[in-house]
Amino acid sequence: MTYDFDTVIDRRESNSEKWDVKVGELPLTTADMDFKTAPEILSAMQEKISFGVFGYEYPTEAYFKSVQDWQKAEHHAFASTDWMIFTTGVIPAITASVNFLSQAGDKVLVMEPVYNIFYNSIINSGRQVLASQLVYDQASLKYSVDWADFERKLADPLTSLLLLCNPHNPTGHVWSKEELEKILLLAQKYSVTVISDEIHGDLVLSGPDYVPAFSLDEKFTSNVISLVSPSKTFNLAALHAATAIVPNPALRARFNRAVNKYEVAEPNLLAVPATIAAYEKGGPWLHELKAYLLENRNYLAAFLAENLPQIKLASEGATYLAWLDLSSITNDSAEFARQLREKTGLIVNPGSVYGGNGSSFIRLNLAYPRVQIKDALQRLQDFLTEE
């Protein structure tokens, strides 16, 4: 490999949210990576800082062109730069949209289990969470849509928005073109706007690539706001940079008003140069990263099969997050996670925070040097075999 993903980086004194833990504890939690970002991105940041003047900035045409070129190169997807609007992050954009595109008391539909911060955006905005449960097949370890329930929830007169995870977090499900088209047509049928969080789109590790919602035929995209970002892809969460891609000009104008009303449309000093460097020069780094992450996931699968067969790996093709089925052990993932941390120092996300059937699951972050993954799995085995 050209790039180093094996060196352990001590992040405890780096103001890392995830690593604000006791000595000896190992957090496989928050979805950022324990790898240095691509050197080309670091160089662009250093050049910007060395300039020494940090006034107000704006997203440039070169910024939007880099997003366009990236989508074409990585996902064979076309996005006009005219469709794009800069925003300071996927979640800020979602929260601004929930506030601007719906009314207090409206219902916002999610597909559970789902990324837990969606609930914050909904509830803190004075809206109601409405959930359609994904159907879990324990034999295949895969999820699918309960179409009858999904349509029934869309048809609720108070449902105004759908928050879609594409690909899905925490399950790693990569929506097929056919699934996406059906979701979007049903949403159109009931005049529901779809906000598609596509932050994990660059991180499909196996199987068919993800289909960006904006890339579908225009008859499917009249009600879609897609949100993409280099933050998960290149470990740049603190960069606070994302791009909305909105093909429908009327909806794009409304989204533009939303992010400007709530002041989440202005880049910081590094957002533009770092994003351009990521999208123009970061491809080789990402491709090696994905190969390394897939090896981590394969190591996890083999370890479970050999040592902990009662735990099933239910992750599908996308993300560096492992979704583990503990249903043969517990249906109280919060208590399981609490005891696991107390006895071994291994910290995981209890699946209960993601809704749906998550109380029988835990989520593990696999974006670590392999020696730390091995350490984590040994702690998990020790915990389950201590008696």
Protein backbone atom coordinates (compact mmCIF):
# COMPACT_ATOMS: atom_id res chain seq x y z
CA MET A 1 0.00 0.00 0.00
CA THR A 2 1.10 3.56 -0.71
CA TYR A 3 -0.69 4.97 2.32
CA ASP A 4 -0.34 4.01 5.98
CA PHE A 5 -3.47 2.71 7.69
CA ASP A 6 -1.65 0.49 10.20
CA THR A 7 -0.03 3.07 12.49
CA VAL A 8 -1.96 3.66 15.70
CA ILE A 9 -2.51 7.37 16.36
CA ASP A 10 -2.97 8.46 19.97
CA ARG A 11 -5.95 10.83 19.83
CA ARG A 12 -6.58 11.17 23.57
CA GLU A 13 -5.17 14.70 23.90
CA SER A 14 -6.40 15.93 20.52
CA ASN A 15 -9.85 17.22 21.57
CA SER A 16 -11.44 14.17 19.96
CA GLU A 17 -15.04 13.71 21.02
CA LYS A 18 -14.75 9.95 20.59
CA TRP A 19 -11.51 9.62 22.55
CA ASP A 20 -12.62 11.57 25.62
CA VAL A 21 -12.49 8.32 27.61
CA LYS A 22 -10.57 6.74 30.44
CA VAL A 23 -7.07 5.38 29.92
CA GLY A 24 -7.33 1.78 28.75
CA GLU A 25 -10.74 2.20 27.15
CA LEU A 26 -11.18 1.59 23.42
CA PRO A 27 -14.08 3.46 21.75
CA LEU A 28 -15.34 1.90 18.52
CA THR A 29 -18.18 4.38 18.41
CA THR A 30 -18.54 7.77 16.68
CA ALA A 31 -18.31 7.51 12.90
CA ASP A 32 -15.00 9.15 12.26
CA MET A 33 -11.83 7.27 11.31
CA ASP A 34 -8.59 6.77 13.22
CA PHE A 35 -6.51 7.37 10.11
CA LYS A 36 -4.76 10.49 8.87
CA THR A 37 -6.48 11.97 5.85
CA ALA A 38 -4.93 11.96 2.39
CA PRO A 39 -1.61 13.88 2.23
CA GLU A 40 -2.87 15.89 -0.73
CA ILE A 41 -5.63 17.29 1.49
CA LEU A 42 -3.15 18.12 4.25
CA SER A 43 -0.98 19.97 1.74
CA ALA A 44 -3.92 22.05 0.54
CA MET A 45 -4.84 22.92 4.12
CA GLN A 46 -1.27 23.85 5.00
CA GLU A 47 -0.97 26.07 1.94
CA LYS A 48 -4.16 27.86 2.91
CA ILE A 49 -3.02 28.37 6.50
CA SER A 50 0.39 29.64 5.41
CA PHE A 51 -1.34 32.41 3.45
CA GLY A 52 -2.20 33.95 6.82
CA VAL A 53 -5.27 36.04 5.87
CA PHE A 54 -8.59 34.54 6.81
CA GLY A 55 -11.46 36.78 5.77
CA TYR A 56 -14.95 35.84 4.65
CA GLU A 57 -15.12 33.19 1.94
CA TYR A 58 -17.58 31.80 -0.57
CA PRO A 59 -17.85 28.49 -2.47
CA THR A 60 -16.17 28.88 -5.85
CA GLU A 61 -17.00 27.47 -9.24
CA ALA A 62 -13.91 25.26 -8.85
CA TYR A 63 -15.45 23.85 -5.68
CA PHE A 64 -18.67 22.85 -7.42
CA LYS A 65 -16.77 21.54 -10.46
CA SER A 66 -14.75 19.25 -8.17
CA VAL A 67 -17.98 17.84 -6.74
CA GLN A 68 -19.33 17.30 -10.25
CA ASP A 69 -16.16 15.59 -11.48
CA TRP A 70 -15.99 13.38 -8.39
CA GLN A 71 -19.55 12.13 -8.82
CA LYS A 72 -18.86 11.35 -12.47
CA ALA A 73 -15.55 9.58 -11.80
CA GLU A 74 -16.56 7.60 -8.72
CA HIS A 75 -20.25 6.89 -9.32
CA HIS A 76 -20.83 7.51 -13.05
CA ALA A 77 -23.44 10.05 -12.00
CA PHE A 78 -24.15 13.42 -13.58
CA ALA A 79 -24.82 16.46 -11.43
CA SER A 80 -25.00 19.92 -12.95
CA THR A 81 -23.09 22.52 -10.96
CA ASP A 82 -26.25 24.63 -11.24
CA TRP A 83 -27.97 22.10 -8.98
CA MET A 84 -25.44 22.57 -6.15
CA ILE A 85 -25.54 24.63 -2.97
CA PHE A 86 -22.82 24.69 -0.31
CA THR A 87 -23.78 23.99 3.29
CA THR A 88 -21.81 23.62 6.51
CA GLY A 89 -22.71 19.97 6.94
CA VAL A 90 -25.29 17.30 6.24
CA ILE A 91 -27.01 17.52 9.62
CA PRO A 92 -27.14 21.35 9.67
CA ALA A 93 -28.69 21.19 6.19
CA ILE A 94 -31.22 18.58 7.34
CA THR A 95 -32.20 20.58 10.42
CA ALA A 96 -32.55 23.79 8.39
CA SER A 97 -34.69 21.94 5.85
CA VAL A 98 -36.91 20.36 8.49
CA ASN A 99 -37.54 23.80 9.94
CA PHE A 100 -38.12 25.56 6.63
CA LEU A 101 -39.83 22.89 4.51
CA SER A 102 -42.34 21.67 7.10
CA GLN A 103 -44.62 23.12 9.76
CA ALA A 104 -44.53 22.72 13.54
CA GLY A 105 -46.34 19.52 14.43
CA ASP A 106 -45.76 17.91 11.03
CA LYS A 107 -44.50 14.33 10.84
CA VAL A 108 -41.11 13.43 9.41
CA LEU A 109 -40.79 9.84 8.21
CA VAL A 110 -37.68 7.72 8.85
CA MET A 111 -36.91 4.07 8.14
CA GLU A 112 -35.80 2.35 11.33
CA PRO A 113 -33.27 1.37 12.54
CA VAL A 114 -31.68 4.61 11.39
CA TYR A 115 -28.94 7.12 12.18
CA ASN A 116 -29.94 8.45 15.58
CA ILE A 117 -29.11 12.12 14.96
CA PHE A 118 -32.07 12.25 12.56
CA TYR A 119 -34.26 12.18 15.67
CA ASN A 120 -32.51 15.27 17.04
CA SER A 121 -33.15 17.21 13.83
CA ILE A 122 -36.83 16.29 13.95
CA ILE A 123 -37.64 16.63 17.63
CA ASN A 124 -35.57 19.76 18.24
CA SER A 125 -37.44 21.39 15.36
CA GLY A 126 -40.83 20.73 16.95
CA ARG A 127 -41.82 18.00 14.49
CA GLN A 128 -42.94 14.44 15.13
CA VAL A 129 -40.95 11.32 14.32
CA LEU A 130 -42.89 8.83 12.23
CA ALA A 131 -41.13 5.50 11.70
CA SER A 132 -41.56 2.75 9.16
CA GLN A 133 -39.74 -0.36 10.33
CA LEU A 134 -37.39 -2.05 7.91
CA VAL A 135 -37.99 -5.80 7.72
CA TYR A 136 -35.06 -7.87 8.97
CA ASP A 137 -34.56 -11.37 7.57
CA GLN A 138 -32.47 -13.24 10.12
CA ALA A 139 -31.66 -16.00 7.63
CA SER A 140 -30.08 -13.69 5.06
CA LEU A 141 -29.05 -11.01 7.61
CA LYS A 142 -30.52 -8.34 5.32
CA TYR A 143 -33.12 -5.60 5.52
CA SER A 144 -35.90 -4.64 3.15
CA VAL A 145 -38.76 -2.15 3.03
CA ASP A 146 -42.23 -2.97 4.32
CA TRP A 147 -43.82 -1.28 1.32
CA ALA A 148 -47.38 -1.38 2.61
CA ASP A 149 -46.41 0.21 5.91
CA PHE A 150 -44.10 2.69 4.20
CA GLU A 151 -46.86 3.89 1.88
CA ARG A 152 -49.34 4.07 4.74
CA LYS A 153 -46.97 6.33 6.67
CA LEU A 154 -46.35 8.53 3.61
CA ALA A 155 -50.11 8.86 3.16
CA ASP A 156 -50.55 10.31 6.64
CA PRO A 157 -51.79 13.89 6.01
CA LEU A 158 -49.25 15.26 8.49
CA THR A 159 -46.24 13.62 6.79
CA SER A 160 -44.36 16.33 4.92
CA LEU A 161 -40.77 15.02 4.79
CA LEU A 162 -38.88 11.76 4.43
CA LEU A 163 -35.32 11.52 5.76
CA LEU A 164 -33.61 8.88 3.67
CA CYS A 165 -30.19 7.35 4.43
CA ASN A 166 -28.55 6.40 1.11
CA PRO A 167 -26.64 4.13 1.77
CA HIS A 168 -28.34 3.24 5.00
CA ASN A 169 -26.76 3.75 8.41
CA PRO A 170 -26.47 1.60 10.54
CA THR A 171 -27.36 -1.42 8.37
CA GLY A 172 -25.05 -0.67 5.44
CA HIS A 173 -27.88 -1.40 3.01
CA VAL A 174 -27.19 -0.03 -0.46
CA TRP A 175 -30.48 0.95 -2.05
CA SER A 176 -30.84 -0.40 -5.57
CA LYS A 177 -31.98 1.83 -8.43
CA GLU A 178 -35.34 0.06 -8.38
CA GLU A 179 -35.79 0.57 -4.63
CA LEU A 180 -34.88 4.25 -4.88
CA GLU A 181 -37.26 4.84 -7.76
CA LYS A 182 -40.09 3.19 -5.86
CA ILE A 183 -39.35 5.20 -2.71
CA LEU A 184 -39.26 8.48 -4.63
CA LEU A 185 -42.39 7.82 -6.67
CA LEU A 186 -44.34 6.94 -3.53
CA ALA A 187 -43.10 10.12 -1.88
CA GLN A 188 -44.20 12.12 -4.94
CA LYS A 189 -47.61 10.48 -4.83
CA TYR A 190 -48.21 11.93 -1.38
CA SER A 191 -46.37 15.25 -1.93
CA VAL A 192 -43.60 14.36 0.51
CA THR A 193 -40.18 15.98 0.08
CA VAL A 194 -37.23 13.59 0.35
CA ILE A 195 -33.99 14.68 2.02
CA SER A 196 -31.40 12.05 1.10
CA ASP A 197 -28.35 11.82 3.36
CA GLU A 198 -25.68 10.36 1.05
CA ILE A 199 -22.68 10.97 3.28
CA HIS A 200 -21.63 7.28 3.16
CA GLY A 201 -22.04 7.01 -0.60
CA ASP A 202 -18.30 6.90 -1.30
CA LEU A 203 -17.84 4.04 1.17
CA VAL A 204 -19.45 1.04 -0.50
CA LEU A 205 -17.00 -1.75 0.31
CA SER A 206 -18.58 -4.66 -1.55
CA GLY A 207 -21.35 -5.34 -4.03
CA PRO A 208 -22.96 -2.87 -6.44
CA ASP A 209 -22.15 0.82 -6.00
CA TYR A 210 -24.67 3.19 -4.50
CA VAL A 211 -27.04 5.11 -6.75
CA PRO A 212 -27.13 8.84 -5.96
CA ALA A 213 -30.75 9.97 -5.74
CA PHE A 214 -30.01 13.05 -7.87
CA SER A 215 -28.72 10.84 -10.70
CA LEU A 216 -32.07 9.22 -11.45
CA ASP A 217 -34.28 10.26 -14.35
CA GLU A 218 -35.86 13.66 -13.79
CA LYS A 219 -39.31 12.13 -13.34
CA PHE A 220 -38.06 10.72 -10.02
CA THR A 221 -36.14 13.73 -8.71
CA SER A 222 -38.64 16.59 -8.53
CA ASN A 223 -38.93 16.23 -4.74
CA VAL A 224 -35.33 15.25 -3.84
CA ILE A 225 -32.57 17.04 -1.97
CA SER A 226 -29.35 14.97 -2.00
CA LEU A 227 -26.62 15.81 0.51
CA VAL A 228 -23.02 14.72 -0.15
CA SER A 229 -19.81 15.48 1.72
CA PRO A 230 -16.13 14.54 1.90
CA SER A 231 -16.39 14.26 5.69
CA LYS A 232 -16.88 10.50 6.08
CA THR A 233 -14.98 9.67 2.90
CA PHE A 234 -11.75 11.44 3.85
CA ASN A 235 -12.11 11.70 7.64
CA LEU A 236 -12.88 15.41 7.56
CA ALA A 237 -15.86 15.66 9.91
CA ALA A 238 -14.52 18.81 11.60
CA LEU A 239 -14.18 20.50 8.19
CA HIS A 240 -17.94 21.22 8.21
CA ALA A 241 -18.45 21.13 4.46
CA ALA A 242 -21.18 19.49 2.41
CA THR A 243 -23.01 20.03 -0.85
CA ALA A 244 -26.72 19.83 -1.58
CA ILE A 245 -27.58 18.61 -5.07
CA VAL A 246 -31.15 19.58 -5.96
CA PRO A 247 -32.23 19.05 -9.59
CA ASN A 248 -35.63 20.76 -9.25
CA PRO A 249 -35.10 24.55 -9.49
CA ALA A 250 -38.15 25.43 -7.39
CA LEU A 251 -37.13 23.07 -4.58
CA ARG A 252 -33.52 24.27 -4.91
CA ALA A 253 -34.65 27.85 -4.36
CA ARG A 254 -36.53 26.83 -1.23
CA PHE A 255 -33.54 24.87 0.07
CA ASN A 256 -31.29 27.85 -0.61
CA ARG A 257 -33.58 30.03 1.49
CA ALA A 258 -33.54 27.40 4.26
CA VAL A 259 -29.77 27.21 4.65
CA ASN A 260 -29.39 30.97 4.41
CA LYS A 261 -32.16 31.66 6.89
CA TYR A 262 -30.47 29.39 9.41
CA GLU A 263 -26.97 30.60 8.48
CA VAL A 264 -25.51 27.24 7.45
CA ALA A 265 -24.32 28.26 3.98
CA GLU A 266 -20.94 29.93 4.53
CA PRO A 267 -17.65 28.02 4.24
CA ASN A 268 -14.88 28.19 6.80
CA LEU A 269 -11.31 28.94 5.73
CA LEU A 270 -10.45 25.31 4.88
CA ALA A 271 -13.74 24.02 3.49
CA VAL A 272 -13.18 25.03 -0.13
CA PRO A 273 -9.49 24.13 -0.68
CA ALA A 274 -9.72 20.89 1.31
CA THR A 275 -12.82 19.72 -0.56
CA ILE A 276 -11.28 20.53 -3.93
CA ALA A 277 -8.09 18.66 -2.99
CA ALA A 278 -10.11 15.68 -1.76
CA TYR A 279 -12.19 15.40 -4.88
CA GLU A 280 -9.42 16.20 -7.37
CA LYS A 281 -6.55 14.25 -5.81
CA GLY A 282 -7.95 11.93 -3.12
CA GLY A 283 -9.13 9.04 -5.28
CA PRO A 284 -6.06 6.79 -4.89
CA TRP A 285 -6.09 7.27 -1.09
CA LEU A 286 -9.80 6.41 -0.92
CA HIS A 287 -9.40 3.27 -3.02
CA GLU A 288 -6.66 1.96 -0.73
CA LEU A 289 -8.71 2.94 2.32
CA LYS A 290 -11.72 0.96 1.09
CA ALA A 291 -9.55 -2.11 0.49
CA TYR A 292 -8.21 -1.82 4.04
CA LEU A 293 -11.68 -1.36 5.53
CA LEU A 294 -12.94 -4.39 3.63
CA GLU A 295 -10.08 -6.43 5.07
CA ASN A 296 -11.08 -5.23 8.54
CA ARG A 297 -14.66 -6.30 7.91
CA ASN A 298 -13.55 -9.67 6.56
CA TYR A 299 -11.34 -10.15 9.62
CA LEU A 300 -14.33 -9.38 11.85
CA ALA A 301 -16.53 -11.85 9.97
CA ALA A 302 -13.94 -14.62 10.22
CA PHE A 303 -13.30 -13.92 13.91
CA LEU A 304 -17.00 -14.10 14.74
CA ALA A 305 -17.51 -17.28 12.75
CA GLU A 306 -14.61 -19.01 14.51
CA ASN A 307 -14.88 -17.65 18.04
CA LEU A 308 -18.30 -16.07 18.58
CA PRO A 309 -20.75 -17.77 16.21
CA GLN A 310 -23.66 -16.59 18.34
CA ILE A 311 -23.02 -13.08 17.00
CA LYS A 312 -23.99 -12.47 13.38
CA LEU A 313 -22.57 -9.78 11.11
CA ALA A 314 -25.64 -8.13 9.62
CA SER A 315 -23.80 -5.34 7.78
CA GLU A 316 -24.42 -5.11 4.06
CA GLY A 317 -22.17 -3.49 1.46
CA ALA A 318 -21.65 0.07 2.67
CA THR A 319 -20.01 2.10 5.44
CA TYR A 320 -17.20 1.24 7.85
CA LEU A 321 -19.76 0.54 10.57
CA ALA A 322 -20.44 -3.06 11.59
CA TRP A 323 -24.02 -3.92 12.57
CA LEU A 324 -23.92 -6.98 14.81
CA ASP A 325 -26.94 -9.15 15.57
CA LEU A 326 -26.89 -10.18 19.26
CA SER A 327 -30.43 -11.52 19.35
CA SER A 328 -29.29 -14.95 20.55
CA ILE A 329 -27.55 -13.23 23.49
CA THR A 330 -29.63 -10.22 24.48
CA ASN A 331 -32.47 -7.92 23.54
CA ASP A 332 -31.08 -5.13 25.74
CA SER A 333 -28.16 -3.71 23.79
CA ALA A 334 -27.84 -0.71 26.11
CA GLU A 335 -27.21 -2.91 29.14
CA PHE A 336 -24.92 -5.15 27.09
CA ALA A 337 -22.86 -2.13 26.01
CA ARG A 338 -22.74 -0.80 29.58
CA GLN A 339 -21.40 -4.05 30.98
CA LEU A 340 -19.00 -4.51 28.07
CA ARG A 341 -17.45 -1.13 28.78
CA GLU A 342 -17.36 -1.66 32.53
CA LYS A 343 -15.67 -5.05 32.35
CA THR A 344 -13.38 -4.70 29.31
CA GLY A 345 -13.11 -1.02 28.42
CA LEU A 346 -14.50 -1.68 24.94
CA ILE A 347 -17.06 1.00 24.03
CA VAL A 348 -19.66 0.32 21.33
CA ASN A 349 -22.90 1.95 20.23
CA PRO A 350 -25.98 0.16 21.57
CA GLY A 351 -28.36 -0.52 18.71
CA SER A 352 -31.33 0.66 20.73
CA VAL A 353 -30.50 4.31 19.94
CA TYR A 354 -31.27 3.66 16.26
CA GLY A 355 -34.86 2.53 16.84
CA GLY A 356 -36.58 -0.41 15.21
CA ASN A 357 -35.14 -3.78 16.16
CA GLY A 358 -31.88 -2.15 17.26
CA SER A 359 -32.23 -3.28 20.87
CA SER A 360 -30.84 -6.65 19.75
CA PHE A 361 -27.84 -5.11 17.94
CA ILE A 362 -24.65 -3.19 18.56
CA ARG A 363 -22.75 -0.98 16.12
CA LEU A 364 -18.96 -1.11 15.85
CA ASN A 365 -16.72 1.32 13.99
CA LEU A 366 -14.16 -0.59 11.91
CA ALA A 367 -12.14 2.42 10.71
CA TYR A 368 -9.10 1.68 12.89
CA PRO A 369 -5.67 0.12 12.41
CA ARG A 370 -6.13 -3.64 12.41
CA VAL A 371 -4.24 -4.11 15.65
CA GLN A 372 -6.97 -2.12 17.40
CA ILE A 373 -9.71 -4.15 15.73
CA LYS A 374 -7.99 -7.31 16.96
CA ASP A 375 -7.77 -5.82 20.46
CA ALA A 376 -11.46 -4.92 20.40
CA LEU A 377 -12.57 -8.36 19.28
CA GLN A 378 -10.42 -10.05 21.91
CA ARG A 379 -12.10 -7.88 24.57
CA LEU A 380 -15.51 -8.84 23.18
CA GLN A 381 -14.59 -12.53 23.28
CA ASP A 382 -13.22 -12.24 26.84
CA PHE A 383 -16.46 -10.57 27.94
CA LEU A 384 -18.66 -13.30 26.49
CA THR A 385 -16.52 -16.22 27.70
CA GLU A 386 -15.50 -14.95 31.15
CA GLU A 387 -17.95 -17.23 32.91
